[in-house]
Protein backbone atom coordinates (compact mmCIF):
# COMPACT_ATOMS: atom_id res chain seq x y z
CA UNK A 1 -2.48 -6.69 32.53
CA UNK A 2 -5.10 -6.38 29.82
CA UNK A 3 -6.49 -9.35 28.03
CA UNK A 4 -7.74 -9.36 24.47
CA UNK A 5 -9.08 -11.77 21.92
CA UNK A 6 -6.35 -13.92 20.24
CA UNK A 7 -7.34 -12.63 16.80
CA UNK A 8 -6.24 -9.17 17.94
CA UNK A 9 -2.64 -10.38 17.84
CA UNK A 10 -3.09 -11.17 14.15
CA UNK A 11 -4.73 -7.80 13.48
CA UNK A 12 -1.80 -6.03 15.14
CA UNK A 13 0.70 -8.24 13.33
CA UNK A 14 -0.79 -7.28 9.95
CA UNK A 15 -0.32 -3.56 10.70
CA UNK A 16 2.26 -1.92 8.43
CA UNK A 17 4.49 -1.04 11.40
CA UNK A 18 4.82 -4.77 12.20
CA UNK A 19 5.74 -5.86 8.67
CA UNK A 20 8.93 -7.73 9.61
CA UNK A 21 7.18 -9.75 12.32
CA UNK A 22 4.26 -10.47 9.98
CA UNK A 23 6.55 -11.82 7.24
CA UNK A 24 8.39 -13.99 9.78
CA UNK A 25 5.08 -15.39 11.03
CA UNK A 26 3.83 -16.03 7.48
CA UNK A 27 7.07 -17.83 6.51
CA UNK A 28 6.65 -19.97 9.64
CA UNK A 29 3.17 -20.93 8.49
CA UNK A 30 4.52 -22.00 5.11
CA UNK A 31 7.31 -24.00 6.78
CA UNK A 32 4.73 -25.77 8.94
CA UNK A 33 2.70 -26.59 5.84
CA UNK A 34 5.79 -28.03 4.15
CA UNK A 35 6.59 -30.10 7.23
CA UNK A 36 3.04 -31.45 7.26
CA UNK A 37 3.22 -32.64 3.67
CA UNK A 38 6.54 -34.36 4.41
CA UNK A 39 5.49 -36.00 7.68
CA UNK A 40 2.03 -37.07 6.56
CA UNK A 41 2.12 -38.40 2.98
CA UNK A 42 -1.68 -38.67 2.83
CA UNK A 43 -1.86 -34.87 3.00
CA UNK A 44 -1.64 -33.92 -0.65
CA UNK A 45 -2.10 -30.17 -0.31
CA UNK A 46 -2.00 -27.57 2.43
CA UNK A 47 -3.57 -24.15 1.87
CA UNK A 48 -1.85 -21.05 3.26
CA UNK A 49 -3.54 -17.65 3.15
CA UNK A 50 -1.28 -14.86 1.95
CA UNK A 51 -1.56 -11.25 0.86
CA UNK A 52 -0.56 -10.51 -2.74
CA UNK A 53 1.73 -7.73 -1.52
CA UNK A 54 3.66 -10.33 0.56
CA UNK A 55 5.29 -11.51 -2.67
CA UNK A 56 6.78 -8.06 -3.22
CA UNK A 57 8.74 -8.45 0.01
CA UNK A 58 12.28 -9.57 -0.93
CA UNK A 59 12.79 -11.75 2.14
CA UNK A 60 9.45 -13.48 1.75
CA UNK A 61 9.94 -14.15 -1.96
CA UNK A 62 13.59 -15.26 -1.78
CA UNK A 63 12.81 -17.64 1.09
CA UNK A 64 10.05 -19.29 -0.94
CA UNK A 65 12.41 -19.64 -3.90
CA UNK A 66 14.75 -21.68 -1.73
CA UNK A 67 12.29 -24.44 -0.85
CA UNK A 68 10.02 -26.83 -2.72
CA UNK A 69 6.45 -25.74 -3.17
CA UNK A 70 5.15 -29.26 -3.68
CA UNK A 71 1.82 -29.63 -1.94
CA UNK A 72 1.57 -25.98 -0.94
CA UNK A 73 -1.31 -23.83 -2.22
CA UNK A 74 -0.72 -20.13 -1.67
CA UNK A 75 -4.16 -18.53 -1.40
CA UNK A 76 -4.09 -14.86 -2.30
CA UNK A 77 -6.40 -12.55 -0.39
CA UNK A 78 -8.93 -11.10 -2.80
CA UNK A 79 -9.47 -7.74 -1.08
CA UNK A 80 -8.52 -4.75 -3.19
CA UNK A 81 -6.24 -3.23 -0.54
CA UNK A 82 -3.97 -6.28 -0.45
CA UNK A 83 -3.05 -6.00 -4.16
CA UNK A 84 -0.40 -3.67 -5.56
CA UNK A 85 -1.88 -0.52 -7.03
CA UNK A 86 0.74 0.46 -9.62
CA UNK A 87 1.52 -1.35 -12.87
CA UNK A 88 5.20 -1.96 -12.11
CA UNK A 89 4.37 -3.73 -8.84
CA UNK A 90 1.57 -5.72 -10.47
CA UNK A 91 3.94 -6.96 -13.18
CA UNK A 92 6.53 -7.91 -10.58
CA UNK A 93 3.89 -9.74 -8.55
CA UNK A 94 2.72 -11.83 -11.52
CA UNK A 95 6.30 -12.55 -12.58
CA UNK A 96 7.10 -13.82 -9.09
CA UNK A 97 3.94 -15.89 -8.86
CA UNK A 98 4.84 -17.59 -12.13
CA UNK A 99 8.32 -18.37 -10.80
CA UNK A 100 6.78 -19.92 -7.69
CA UNK A 101 4.40 -21.98 -9.82
CA UNK A 102 7.43 -23.27 -11.70
CA UNK A 103 8.82 -24.45 -8.34
CA UNK A 104 5.67 -26.45 -7.60
CA UNK A 105 3.63 -23.97 -5.58
CA UNK A 106 -0.02 -23.74 -6.52
CA UNK A 107 -1.67 -20.32 -6.58
CA UNK A 108 -5.34 -19.72 -5.78
CA UNK A 109 -7.61 -16.80 -4.95
CA UNK A 110 -9.03 -17.02 -1.45
CA UNK A 111 -12.84 -17.11 -1.29
CA UNK A 112 -13.28 -15.58 -4.73
CA UNK A 113 -16.56 -13.75 -5.02
CA UNK A 114 -16.85 -13.14 -1.31
CA UNK A 115 -15.27 -9.69 -1.37
CA UNK A 116 -15.76 -6.34 -3.02
CA UNK A 117 -12.82 -6.76 -5.43
CA UNK A 118 -14.96 -9.05 -7.57
CA UNK A 119 -18.39 -7.78 -6.61
CA UNK A 120 -18.01 -4.13 -7.69
């Protein structure tokens, strides 16, 4: 059997053909973050990296709507390829992000200024 670096699993998971598995994994990360804020009251916020296009996925979005966002900061990847490219999808993304903010989620840009989206 071949061995590979653990980060390769994440790279493969992010591939478009593995979208369902990726969303399941990402929802698990958010659930773990929520559990942490419940179990350890001194933890005020937990940051979870996400891709902006994740919020266009119906399962991902509807699952987040069903749980409290208190203490969860959803960090949006700043790379250009992770953002929707058409106006309709952009509007839907921002509408959904506002709904999540209303539920207590905080929204942040991940490592702003570190990527070409903001440096070009």
